[in-house]
C-alpha atoms as a PDB file:
ATOM      1  CA  MET A   1       0.058   0.058   0.010  1.00  0.00           C
ATOM      2  CA  HIS A   2       1.431   3.345  -1.057  1.00  0.00           C
ATOM      3  CA  ALA A   3       0.992   6.394   1.176  1.00  0.00           C
ATOM      4  CA  LYS A   4      -0.575   9.250  -0.588  1.00  0.00           C
ATOM      5  CA  ILE A   5       1.581  12.299  -0.299  1.00  0.00           C
ATOM      6  CA  THR A   6      -0.516  15.467   0.401  1.00  0.00           C
ATOM      7  CA  LYS A   7       0.626  19.036   0.191  1.00  0.00           C
ATOM      8  CA  LEU A   8       0.738  19.160   3.851  1.00  0.00           C
ATOM      9  CA  SER A   9       3.030  16.194   4.345  1.00  0.00           C
ATOM     10  CA  LEU A  10       5.244  17.359   1.480  1.00  0.00           C
ATOM     11  CA  LYS A  11       5.611  20.647   3.240  1.00  0.00           C
ATOM     12  CA  ASN A  12       6.530  19.003   6.493  1.00  0.00           C
ATOM     13  CA  MET A  13       9.145  16.931   4.694  1.00  0.00           C
ATOM     14  CA  ILE A  14      10.632  20.011   3.011  1.00  0.00           C
ATOM     15  CA  ASN A  15      10.737  21.872   6.376  1.00  0.00           C
ATOM     16  CA  LEU A  16      12.504  18.976   8.183  1.00  0.00           C
ATOM     17  CA  TYR A  17      15.863  20.678   7.297  1.00  0.00           C
ATOM     18  CA  SER A  18      14.838  24.327   7.963  1.00  0.00           C
ATOM     19  CA  ASP A  19      16.481  26.870  10.092  1.00  0.00           C
ATOM     20  CA  GLU A  20      13.633  26.495  12.632  1.00  0.00           C
ATOM     21  CA  TYR A  21      14.184  22.762  12.734  1.00  0.00           C
ATOM     22  CA  PHE A  22      17.835  23.014  13.490  1.00  0.00           C
ATOM     23  CA  MET A  23      17.363  25.871  15.925  1.00  0.00           C
ATOM     24  CA  LYS A  24      14.996  23.599  17.821  1.00  0.00           C
ATOM     25  CA  GLN A  25      17.767  21.046  18.144  1.00  0.00           C
ATOM     26  CA  ALA A  26      20.049  23.787  19.559  1.00  0.00           C
ATOM     27  CA  ILE A  27      17.224  24.711  22.031  1.00  0.00           C
ATOM     28  CA  LYS A  28      17.159  21.054  23.257  1.00  0.00           C
ATOM     29  CA  GLU A  29      20.894  21.459  24.022  1.00  0.00           C
ATOM     30  CA  ALA A  30      20.183  24.707  25.843  1.00  0.00           C
ATOM     31  CA  GLU A  31      17.499  22.829  27.955  1.00  0.00           C
ATOM     32  CA  TYR A  32      20.151  20.308  28.869  1.00  0.00           C
ATOM     33  CA  ALA A  33      22.428  23.070  30.087  1.00  0.00           C
ATOM     34  CA  TYR A  34      19.367  24.592  32.075  1.00  0.00           C
ATOM     35  CA  GLU A  35      18.878  21.162  33.863  1.00  0.00           C
ATOM     36  CA  LYS A  36      22.484  21.217  34.985  1.00  0.00           C
ATOM     37  CA  GLY A  37      22.230  24.709  36.261  1.00  0.00           C
ATOM     38  CA  GLU A  38      24.307  26.186  33.442  1.00  0.00           C
ATOM     39  CA  VAL A  39      23.399  29.243  31.489  1.00  0.00           C
ATOM     40  CA  PRO A  40      20.986  27.719  28.907  1.00  0.00           C
ATOM     41  CA  VAL A  41      22.749  28.239  25.654  1.00  0.00           C
ATOM     42  CA  GLY A  42      22.876  25.318  23.041  1.00  0.00           C
ATOM     43  CA  ALA A  43      24.407  24.874  19.692  1.00  0.00           C
ATOM     44  CA  VAL A  44      24.429  22.337  16.873  1.00  0.00           C
ATOM     45  CA  ILE A  45      26.548  22.323  13.641  1.00  0.00           C
ATOM     46  CA  VAL A  46      25.163  21.169  10.531  1.00  0.00           C
ATOM     47  CA  CYS A  47      26.759  19.880   7.384  1.00  0.00           C
ATOM     48  CA  GLU A  48      24.754  18.593   4.372  1.00  0.00           C
ATOM     49  CA  ASN A  49      21.568  18.588   6.470  1.00  0.00           C
ATOM     50  CA  ARG A  50      23.244  16.409   9.153  1.00  0.00           C
ATOM     51  CA  ILE A  51      24.085  17.461  12.638  1.00  0.00           C
ATOM     52  CA  ILE A  52      27.722  16.763  13.196  1.00  0.00           C
ATOM     53  CA  GLY A  53      28.406  18.623  16.415  1.00  0.00           C
ATOM     54  CA  ARG A  54      26.383  19.424  19.418  1.00  0.00           C
ATOM     55  CA  GLY A  55      27.170  21.482  22.628  1.00  0.00           C
ATOM     56  CA  HIS A  56      25.668  23.300  25.473  1.00  0.00           C
ATOM     57  CA  ASN A  57      27.320  25.521  27.984  1.00  0.00           C
ATOM     58  CA  LEU A  58      29.414  23.590  30.518  1.00  0.00           C
ATOM     59  CA  THR A  59      31.345  26.310  32.214  1.00  0.00           C
ATOM     60  CA  GLU A  60      30.043  25.529  35.816  1.00  0.00           C
ATOM     61  CA  THR A  61      30.255  21.777  35.319  1.00  0.00           C
ATOM     62  CA  LEU A  62      33.823  21.989  33.942  1.00  0.00           C
ATOM     63  CA  ASN A  63      34.969  25.037  35.859  1.00  0.00           C
ATOM     64  CA  ASP A  64      36.205  26.412  32.544  1.00  0.00           C
ATOM     65  CA  VAL A  65      35.241  29.839  31.242  1.00  0.00           C
ATOM     66  CA  THR A  66      35.914  28.763  27.610  1.00  0.00           C
ATOM     67  CA  ALA A  67      33.267  25.845  27.839  1.00  0.00           C
ATOM     68  CA  HIS A  68      30.653  27.644  25.955  1.00  0.00           C
ATOM     69  CA  ALA A  69      28.220  25.831  23.688  1.00  0.00           C
ATOM     70  CA  GLU A  70      29.660  26.963  20.409  1.00  0.00           C
ATOM     71  CA  MET A  71      33.103  25.882  21.462  1.00  0.00           C
ATOM     72  CA  GLN A  72      31.751  22.508  22.490  1.00  0.00           C
ATOM     73  CA  ALA A  73      30.071  22.105  19.147  1.00  0.00           C
ATOM     74  CA  ILE A  74      33.002  23.248  17.174  1.00  0.00           C
ATOM     75  CA  THR A  75      35.262  20.788  18.767  1.00  0.00           C
ATOM     76  CA  ALA A  76      32.650  17.953  18.200  1.00  0.00           C
ATOM     77  CA  ALA A  77      32.190  18.802  14.548  1.00  0.00           C
ATOM     78  CA  ALA A  78      36.059  19.220  13.919  1.00  0.00           C
ATOM     79  CA  ASN A  79      36.470  15.719  15.450  1.00  0.00           C
ATOM     80  CA  PHE A  80      33.784  14.334  13.422  1.00  0.00           C
ATOM     81  CA  LEU A  81      35.035  15.705  10.117  1.00  0.00           C
ATOM     82  CA  GLY A  82      38.771  15.121  11.184  1.00  0.00           C
ATOM     83  CA  ALA A  83      39.402  18.687   9.934  1.00  0.00           C
ATOM     84  CA  LYS A  84      39.732  22.018  11.616  1.00  0.00           C
ATOM     85  CA  TYR A  85      37.930  24.060   9.006  1.00  0.00           C
ATOM     86  CA  LEU A  86      34.133  23.884   9.000  1.00  0.00           C
ATOM     87  CA  ASN A  87      33.685  26.081   5.886  1.00  0.00           C
ATOM     88  CA  GLU A  88      30.742  24.049   4.576  1.00  0.00           C
ATOM     89  CA  CYS A  89      28.876  23.988   7.909  1.00  0.00           C
ATOM     90  CA  THR A  90      26.311  26.105   9.531  1.00  0.00           C
ATOM     91  CA  LEU A  91      26.311  26.923  13.267  1.00  0.00           C
ATOM     92  CA  TYR A  92      22.870  27.201  15.025  1.00  0.00           C
ATOM     93  CA  ILE A  93      23.225  28.822  18.423  1.00  0.00           C
ATOM     94  CA  THR A  94      20.372  29.940  20.698  1.00  0.00           C
ATOM     95  CA  LEU A  95      22.196  33.124  21.874  1.00  0.00           C
ATOM     96  CA  GLU A  96      24.435  35.533  19.779  1.00  0.00           C
ATOM     97  CA  PRO A  97      27.967  34.498  20.100  1.00  0.00           C
ATOM     98  CA  CYS A  98      30.321  36.279  22.358  1.00  0.00           C
ATOM     99  CA  GLY A  99      33.787  37.809  21.215  1.00  0.00           C
ATOM    100  CA  MET A 100      35.627  34.629  22.230  1.00  0.00           C
ATOM    101  CA  CYS A 101      33.260  32.278  20.409  1.00  0.00           C
ATOM    102  CA  ALA A 102      33.196  34.726  17.337  1.00  0.00           C
ATOM    103  CA  GLY A 103      36.929  34.281  17.250  1.00  0.00           C
ATOM    104  CA  ALA A 104      36.597  30.467  17.162  1.00  0.00           C
ATOM    105  CA  ILE A 105      33.973  30.781  14.514  1.00  0.00           C
ATOM    106  CA  PHE A 106      36.278  33.016  12.504  1.00  0.00           C
ATOM    107  CA  TRP A 107      39.252  30.479  12.748  1.00  0.00           C
ATOM    108  CA  ALA A 108      37.005  27.501  11.960  1.00  0.00           C
ATOM    109  CA  GLN A 109      35.744  29.479   8.904  1.00  0.00           C
ATOM    110  CA  LEU A 110      32.224  28.441   9.443  1.00  0.00           C
ATOM    111  CA  ASN A 111      30.057  29.048   6.313  1.00  0.00           C
ATOM    112  CA  ARG A 112      27.006  30.379   8.218  1.00  0.00           C
ATOM    113  CA  VAL A 113      25.862  31.223  11.668  1.00  0.00           C
ATOM    114  CA  VAL A 114      22.131  31.400  12.759  1.00  0.00           C
ATOM    115  CA  PHE A 115      21.327  32.594  16.131  1.00  0.00           C
ATOM    116  CA  GLY A 116      18.110  32.996  18.143  1.00  0.00           C
ATOM    117  CA  ALA A 117      18.231  35.716  20.712  1.00  0.00           C
ATOM    118  CA  SER A 118      20.650  38.724  20.604  1.00  0.00           C
ATOM    119  CA  ASP A 119      23.006  39.396  23.410  1.00  0.00           C
ATOM    120  CA  PRO A 120      23.177  43.276  23.644  1.00  0.00           C
ATOM    121  CA  LYS A 121      25.721  43.091  26.652  1.00  0.00           C
ATOM    122  CA  ARG A 122      28.325  40.421  25.565  1.00  0.00           C
ATOM    123  CA  GLY A 123      27.428  39.685  21.930  1.00  0.00           C
ATOM    124  CA  TYR A 124      30.081  39.950  19.276  1.00  0.00           C
ATOM    125  CA  LEU A 125      28.046  42.537  17.312  1.00  0.00           C
ATOM    126  CA  LYS A 126      28.109  44.879  20.349  1.00  0.00           C
ATOM    127  CA  GLN A 127      31.878  44.329  20.531  1.00  0.00           C
ATOM    128  CA  HIS A 128      32.326  44.983  16.838  1.00  0.00           C
ATOM    129  CA  ILE A 129      34.274  41.736  16.376  1.00  0.00           C
ATOM    130  CA  MET A 130      34.230  40.503  12.821  1.00  0.00           C
ATOM    131  CA  LEU A 131      33.476  36.954  11.585  1.00  0.00           C
ATOM    132  CA  HIS A 132      35.341  35.363   8.608  1.00  0.00           C
ATOM    133  CA  PRO A 133      34.456  37.499   5.539  1.00  0.00           C
ATOM    134  CA  LYS A 134      32.679  34.423   3.795  1.00  0.00           C
ATOM    135  CA  THR A 135      30.611  33.713   6.923  1.00  0.00           C
ATOM    136  CA  SER A 136      26.877  34.695   6.454  1.00  0.00           C
ATOM    137  CA  VAL A 137      24.784  35.380   9.539  1.00  0.00           C
ATOM    138  CA  GLN A 138      21.010  34.996  10.204  1.00  0.00           C
ATOM    139  CA  SER A 139      19.339  36.026  13.508  1.00  0.00           C
ATOM    140  CA  GLY A 140      15.998  35.812  15.252  1.00  0.00           C
ATOM    141  CA  ILE A 141      15.311  32.285  14.436  1.00  0.00           C
ATOM    142  CA  GLU A 142      13.082  30.949  17.342  1.00  0.00           C
ATOM    143  CA  GLU A 143      14.044  34.208  19.216  1.00  0.00           C
ATOM    144  CA  ASP A 144      11.227  34.310  21.585  1.00  0.00           C
ATOM    145  CA  THR A 145      11.864  30.619  22.694  1.00  0.00           C
ATOM    146  CA  CYS A 146      15.548  31.233  23.163  1.00  0.00           C
ATOM    147  CA  LYS A 147      15.002  34.452  24.966  1.00  0.00           C
ATOM    148  CA  SER A 148      12.382  32.898  27.254  1.00  0.00           C
ATOM    149  CA  LEU A 149      14.640  30.065  28.274  1.00  0.00           C
ATOM    150  CA  LEU A 150      17.362  32.515  29.190  1.00  0.00           C
ATOM    151  CA  GLN A 151      14.993  34.788  31.190  1.00  0.00           C
ATOM    152  CA  SER A 152      13.445  31.888  32.973  1.00  0.00           C
ATOM    153  CA  PHE A 153      16.912  30.644  33.979  1.00  0.00           C
ATOM    154  CA  PHE A 154      18.117  33.980  35.542  1.00  0.00           C
ATOM    155  CA  GLN A 155      14.674  34.651  37.178  1.00  0.00           C
ATOM    156  CA  SER A 156      14.966  31.186  38.959  1.00  0.00           C
ATOM    157  CA  LYS A 157      18.638  32.019  39.971  1.00  0.00           C
ATOM    158  CA  ARG A 158      17.523  35.480  41.348  1.00  0.00           C
ATOM    159  CA  LYS A 159      14.735  33.753  43.404  1.00  0.00           C
ATOM    160  CA  ASN A 160      17.203  31.242  44.697  1.00  0.00           C
ATOM    161  CA  THR A 161      19.688  34.030  45.995  1.00  0.00           C
ATOM    162  CA  GLN A 162      16.977  36.119  47.345  1.00  0.00           C
ATOM    163  CA  GLY A 163      15.047  33.366  49.129  1.00  0.00           C
END
């Protein structure tokens, strides 16, 4: 028996590999960080519609200020590919990268960066740090969800320190 493909199911198949789909995978990583008491930032790196690297903040767990989600995902993707350059890959990150992570993105030569929520205090755009000239940037994907997760985390932290 052959399944009838409707316009709706075809649309869902096409959207499987959308920016929104991969950002939702990054949000899952951010939720793992949240559960561990880490700042809820998550990242995935995609190459040819396949996730080849995942990461979430581990700065508290590892007692390492460089253990940002992007750094974890870049390391995982480079290990997966056996190469240091990720110039055919896209990084999906729930929060605008900081200056340190923008530097790593620059050196890894990522093709594209997609982030959810802006970081007006520590984001690379505020610091006027440049990415690799060939890197394109898309922002605002699943922004409300990304922002809400961060706000919820910091509100719960404030309640715990006040109470």
